[in-house]
Amino acid sequence: MDDPTWLDYAGFLFNSVATVAGLAGFFLAIRAYRVGVDAYRVAKEQGRRSFETQLLRELLALTLDDEAREDLLLEPNMAFGRWGVRAHLAMLPKSELPIWRELGRFAEMPAVQEIAPQYAKDLWEIPVHRRRDYEESLIANCLRKEIYDAIRERVG
């Protein structure tokens, strides 16, 4: 049996260092993969939030435009098709904008009690001849409030 030479020791040392470096590289690659996956998830979520916020801004614009708001309030079912509201709502989570979703079921403006009973408690104080105007205003404000709340949830 030959005695090991310095070349054998150098080879052993080189192989050991290469093995340790390979293992370190492997664990570094695993860590980089995890960071990449997390970054992808964050970017995907931010993209989704940005997209949903843009949809909400478009719905908000409808409540601020006189013609669109009048259509939404007086003939909601028709206006939902005409202004693309159903398509917008379909791309948002079903748990959001319940008053918007409820409004779309009606052919003409419903009473506030039918779509947002929580906001109808003061209606009896309004004179009958002014009640319809008040309800239109109240429904428009409820629609806006839902959108503001949904946007605030995304950016807050």
C-alpha atoms as a PDB file:
ATOM      1  CA  MET A   1       0.000   0.000   0.000  1.00  0.00           C
ATOM      2  CA  ASP A   2       1.377   3.322  -1.043  1.00  0.00           C
ATOM      3  CA  ASP A   3       1.653   6.187   1.317  1.00  0.00           C
ATOM      4  CA  PRO A   4      -0.557   9.113   0.344  1.00  0.00           C
ATOM      5  CA  THR A   5       1.302  11.931  -1.322  1.00  0.00           C
ATOM      6  CA  TRP A   6       0.626  15.637  -1.203  1.00  0.00           C
ATOM      7  CA  LEU A   7      -1.261  15.209  -4.498  1.00  0.00           C
ATOM      8  CA  ASP A   8      -3.706  12.851  -2.820  1.00  0.00           C
ATOM      9  CA  TYR A   9      -4.238  15.330   0.009  1.00  0.00           C
ATOM     10  CA  ALA A  10      -4.758  18.170  -2.450  1.00  0.00           C
ATOM     11  CA  GLY A  11      -7.291  16.095  -4.408  1.00  0.00           C
ATOM     12  CA  PHE A  12      -9.156  15.194  -1.224  1.00  0.00           C
ATOM     13  CA  LEU A  13      -9.188  18.849  -0.123  1.00  0.00           C
ATOM     14  CA  PHE A  14     -10.351  19.997  -3.559  1.00  0.00           C
ATOM     15  CA  ASN A  15     -13.180  17.414  -3.613  1.00  0.00           C
ATOM     16  CA  SER A  16     -14.278  18.384  -0.110  1.00  0.00           C
ATOM     17  CA  VAL A  17     -14.369  22.100  -0.948  1.00  0.00           C
ATOM     18  CA  ALA A  18     -16.255  21.392  -4.182  1.00  0.00           C
ATOM     19  CA  THR A  19     -18.810  19.267  -2.312  1.00  0.00           C
ATOM     20  CA  VAL A  20     -19.390  21.945   0.324  1.00  0.00           C
ATOM     21  CA  ALA A  21     -19.679  24.627  -2.385  1.00  0.00           C
ATOM     22  CA  GLY A  22     -22.111  22.445  -4.325  1.00  0.00           C
ATOM     23  CA  LEU A  23     -24.298  21.932  -1.250  1.00  0.00           C
ATOM     24  CA  ALA A  24     -24.197  25.658  -0.461  1.00  0.00           C
ATOM     25  CA  GLY A  25     -25.176  26.423  -4.061  1.00  0.00           C
ATOM     26  CA  PHE A  26     -28.015  23.918  -3.878  1.00  0.00           C
ATOM     27  CA  PHE A  27     -29.442  25.456  -0.698  1.00  0.00           C
ATOM     28  CA  LEU A  28     -28.970  28.940  -2.139  1.00  0.00           C
ATOM     29  CA  ALA A  29     -30.897  27.877  -5.249  1.00  0.00           C
ATOM     30  CA  ILE A  30     -33.751  26.556  -3.072  1.00  0.00           C
ATOM     31  CA  ARG A  31     -33.857  29.848  -1.186  1.00  0.00           C
ATOM     32  CA  ALA A  32     -33.818  31.841  -4.435  1.00  0.00           C
ATOM     33  CA  TYR A  33     -36.655  29.713  -5.788  1.00  0.00           C
ATOM     34  CA  ARG A  34     -38.761  30.406  -2.687  1.00  0.00           C
ATOM     35  CA  VAL A  35     -38.069  34.140  -2.913  1.00  0.00           C
ATOM     36  CA  GLY A  36     -39.014  34.043  -6.598  1.00  0.00           C
ATOM     37  CA  VAL A  37     -42.285  32.226  -5.883  1.00  0.00           C
ATOM     38  CA  ASP A  38     -43.149  34.736  -3.151  1.00  0.00           C
ATOM     39  CA  ALA A  39     -42.335  37.647  -5.465  1.00  0.00           C
ATOM     40  CA  TYR A  40     -44.528  36.124  -8.173  1.00  0.00           C
ATOM     41  CA  ARG A  41     -47.436  35.773  -5.743  1.00  0.00           C
ATOM     42  CA  VAL A  42     -47.067  39.367  -4.587  1.00  0.00           C
ATOM     43  CA  ALA A  43     -46.875  40.655  -8.167  1.00  0.00           C
ATOM     44  CA  LYS A  44     -49.888  38.577  -9.156  1.00  0.00           C
ATOM     45  CA  GLU A  45     -51.890  39.885  -6.183  1.00  0.00           C
ATOM     46  CA  GLN A  46     -50.886  43.473  -6.907  1.00  0.00           C
ATOM     47  CA  GLY A  47     -51.894  43.040 -10.531  1.00  0.00           C
ATOM     48  CA  ARG A  48     -55.260  41.646  -9.489  1.00  0.00           C
ATOM     49  CA  ARG A  49     -55.817  44.503  -7.039  1.00  0.00           C
ATOM     50  CA  SER A  50     -54.868  47.052  -9.669  1.00  0.00           C
ATOM     51  CA  PHE A  51     -57.256  45.464 -12.167  1.00  0.00           C
ATOM     52  CA  GLU A  52     -60.113  45.356  -9.641  1.00  0.00           C
ATOM     53  CA  THR A  53     -59.450  48.946  -8.587  1.00  0.00           C
ATOM     54  CA  GLN A  54     -59.705  50.034 -12.222  1.00  0.00           C
ATOM     55  CA  LEU A  55     -63.036  48.189 -12.538  1.00  0.00           C
ATOM     56  CA  LEU A  56     -64.283  49.941  -9.401  1.00  0.00           C
ATOM     57  CA  ARG A  57     -63.162  53.321 -10.742  1.00  0.00           C
ATOM     58  CA  GLU A  58     -65.149  52.683 -13.925  1.00  0.00           C
ATOM     59  CA  LEU A  59     -68.259  51.816 -11.898  1.00  0.00           C
ATOM     60  CA  LEU A  60     -67.742  54.928  -9.794  1.00  0.00           C
ATOM     61  CA  ALA A  61     -67.552  57.010 -12.969  1.00  0.00           C
ATOM     62  CA  LEU A  62     -71.014  55.714 -13.907  1.00  0.00           C
ATOM     63  CA  THR A  63     -72.460  57.062 -10.667  1.00  0.00           C
ATOM     64  CA  LEU A  64     -70.913  60.475 -11.349  1.00  0.00           C
ATOM     65  CA  ASP A  65     -71.996  60.752 -14.996  1.00  0.00           C
ATOM     66  CA  ASP A  66     -75.508  62.243 -15.161  1.00  0.00           C
ATOM     67  CA  GLU A  67     -76.782  60.118 -18.060  1.00  0.00           C
ATOM     68  CA  ALA A  68     -75.379  56.851 -16.730  1.00  0.00           C
ATOM     69  CA  ARG A  69     -76.567  57.537 -13.181  1.00  0.00           C
ATOM     70  CA  GLU A  70     -80.074  58.306 -14.406  1.00  0.00           C
ATOM     71  CA  ASP A  71     -80.111  55.057 -16.412  1.00  0.00           C
ATOM     72  CA  LEU A  72     -78.796  53.078 -13.439  1.00  0.00           C
ATOM     73  CA  LEU A  73     -81.415  54.454 -11.107  1.00  0.00           C
ATOM     74  CA  LEU A  74     -84.473  54.526 -13.361  1.00  0.00           C
ATOM     75  CA  GLU A  75     -83.919  51.337 -15.425  1.00  0.00           C
ATOM     76  CA  PRO A  76     -81.235  49.381 -13.598  1.00  0.00           C
ATOM     77  CA  ASN A  77     -81.622  46.072 -15.417  1.00  0.00           C
ATOM     78  CA  MET A  78     -81.331  47.675 -18.854  1.00  0.00           C
ATOM     79  CA  ALA A  79     -78.550  50.005 -17.744  1.00  0.00           C
ATOM     80  CA  PHE A  80     -76.513  47.122 -16.357  1.00  0.00           C
ATOM     81  CA  GLY A  81     -76.377  45.665 -19.855  1.00  0.00           C
ATOM     82  CA  ARG A  82     -75.947  48.965 -21.657  1.00  0.00           C
ATOM     83  CA  TRP A  83     -73.118  50.259 -19.483  1.00  0.00           C
ATOM     84  CA  GLY A  84     -71.365  46.902 -18.945  1.00  0.00           C
ATOM     85  CA  VAL A  85     -72.043  46.803 -15.219  1.00  0.00           C
ATOM     86  CA  ARG A  86     -72.746  43.062 -15.183  1.00  0.00           C
ATOM     87  CA  ALA A  87     -69.398  42.358 -16.822  1.00  0.00           C
ATOM     88  CA  HIS A  88     -67.629  44.539 -14.263  1.00  0.00           C
ATOM     89  CA  LEU A  89     -69.411  42.848 -11.367  1.00  0.00           C
ATOM     90  CA  ALA A  90     -68.617  39.393 -12.755  1.00  0.00           C
ATOM     91  CA  MET A  91     -64.895  40.178 -12.515  1.00  0.00           C
ATOM     92  CA  LEU A  92     -65.103  41.284  -8.878  1.00  0.00           C
ATOM     93  CA  PRO A  93     -65.457  39.010  -5.830  1.00  0.00           C
ATOM     94  CA  LYS A  94     -69.089  37.994  -5.280  1.00  0.00           C
ATOM     95  CA  SER A  95     -68.977  39.145  -1.667  1.00  0.00           C
ATOM     96  CA  GLU A  96     -68.435  42.759  -2.727  1.00  0.00           C
ATOM     97  CA  LEU A  97     -70.921  45.393  -3.857  1.00  0.00           C
ATOM     98  CA  PRO A  98     -74.132  43.685  -2.655  1.00  0.00           C
ATOM     99  CA  ILE A  99     -76.274  46.795  -3.304  1.00  0.00           C
ATOM    100  CA  TRP A 100     -74.996  46.988  -6.883  1.00  0.00           C
ATOM    101  CA  ARG A 101     -75.762  43.314  -7.419  1.00  0.00           C
ATOM    102  CA  GLU A 102     -79.214  43.646  -5.885  1.00  0.00           C
ATOM    103  CA  LEU A 103     -80.036  46.741  -7.949  1.00  0.00           C
ATOM    104  CA  GLY A 104     -79.357  44.879 -11.203  1.00  0.00           C
ATOM    105  CA  ARG A 105     -82.296  42.538 -10.605  1.00  0.00           C
ATOM    106  CA  PHE A 106     -84.905  45.304 -10.997  1.00  0.00           C
ATOM    107  CA  ALA A 107     -86.468  46.651 -14.194  1.00  0.00           C
ATOM    108  CA  GLU A 108     -87.172  50.017 -12.571  1.00  0.00           C
ATOM    109  CA  MET A 109     -85.784  51.756  -9.537  1.00  0.00           C
ATOM    110  CA  PRO A 110     -86.685  49.733  -6.456  1.00  0.00           C
ATOM    111  CA  ALA A 111     -87.517  51.167  -3.090  1.00  0.00           C
ATOM    112  CA  VAL A 112     -84.483  51.579  -0.894  1.00  0.00           C
ATOM    113  CA  GLN A 113     -85.961  49.056   1.545  1.00  0.00           C
ATOM    114  CA  GLU A 114     -85.685  46.364  -1.144  1.00  0.00           C
ATOM    115  CA  ILE A 115     -81.982  46.741  -1.862  1.00  0.00           C
ATOM    116  CA  ALA A 116     -80.514  48.512   1.179  1.00  0.00           C
ATOM    117  CA  PRO A 117     -82.861  48.294   4.152  1.00  0.00           C
ATOM    118  CA  GLN A 118     -80.104  49.468   6.500  1.00  0.00           C
ATOM    119  CA  TYR A 119     -80.253  52.917   4.852  1.00  0.00           C
ATOM    120  CA  ALA A 120     -84.047  53.228   4.691  1.00  0.00           C
ATOM    121  CA  LYS A 121     -84.726  53.943   8.363  1.00  0.00           C
ATOM    122  CA  ASP A 122     -85.219  57.716   7.891  1.00  0.00           C
ATOM    123  CA  LEU A 123     -87.524  57.534   4.851  1.00  0.00           C
ATOM    124  CA  TRP A 124     -90.697  58.059   6.890  1.00  0.00           C
ATOM    125  CA  GLU A 125     -89.444  61.558   7.796  1.00  0.00           C
ATOM    126  CA  ILE A 126     -89.345  62.629   4.123  1.00  0.00           C
ATOM    127  CA  PRO A 127     -92.571  64.092   2.688  1.00  0.00           C
ATOM    128  CA  VAL A 128     -94.210  61.705   0.222  1.00  0.00           C
ATOM    129  CA  HIS A 129     -93.881  64.091  -2.745  1.00  0.00           C
ATOM    130  CA  ARG A 130     -90.081  64.336  -2.166  1.00  0.00           C
ATOM    131  CA  ARG A 131     -89.483  60.710  -1.252  1.00  0.00           C
ATOM    132  CA  ARG A 132     -88.640  59.494  -4.792  1.00  0.00           C
ATOM    133  CA  ASP A 133     -85.930  62.160  -5.234  1.00  0.00           C
ATOM    134  CA  TYR A 134     -84.566  61.312  -1.815  1.00  0.00           C
ATOM    135  CA  GLU A 135     -84.484  57.598  -2.659  1.00  0.00           C
ATOM    136  CA  GLU A 136     -82.654  58.252  -5.939  1.00  0.00           C
ATOM    137  CA  SER A 137     -80.071  60.299  -4.101  1.00  0.00           C
ATOM    138  CA  LEU A 138     -79.804  57.724  -1.319  1.00  0.00           C
ATOM    139  CA  ILE A 139     -79.328  54.818  -3.726  1.00  0.00           C
ATOM    140  CA  ALA A 140     -76.665  56.745  -5.689  1.00  0.00           C
ATOM    141  CA  ASN A 141     -74.851  57.528  -2.457  1.00  0.00           C
ATOM    142  CA  CYS A 142     -75.059  53.874  -1.353  1.00  0.00           C
ATOM    143  CA  LEU A 143     -73.596  52.753  -4.684  1.00  0.00           C
ATOM    144  CA  ARG A 144     -70.730  55.227  -4.318  1.00  0.00           C
ATOM    145  CA  LYS A 145     -70.124  54.259  -0.694  1.00  0.00           C
ATOM    146  CA  GLU A 146     -69.807  50.582  -1.621  1.00  0.00           C
ATOM    147  CA  ILE A 147     -67.234  51.438  -4.250  1.00  0.00           C
ATOM    148  CA  TYR A 148     -65.267  53.733  -1.947  1.00  0.00           C
ATOM    149  CA  ASP A 149     -65.221  50.998   0.707  1.00  0.00           C
ATOM    150  CA  ALA A 150     -64.034  48.382  -1.809  1.00  0.00           C
ATOM    151  CA  ILE A 151     -61.271  50.676  -3.099  1.00  0.00           C
ATOM    152  CA  ARG A 152     -60.219  51.563   0.445  1.00  0.00           C
ATOM    153  CA  GLU A 153     -59.958  47.855   1.249  1.00  0.00           C
ATOM    154  CA  ARG A 154     -57.618  47.314  -1.693  1.00  0.00           C
ATOM    155  CA  VAL A 155     -55.302  50.262  -1.143  1.00  0.00           C
ATOM    156  CA  GLY A 156     -55.429  50.383   2.665  1.00  0.00           C
END
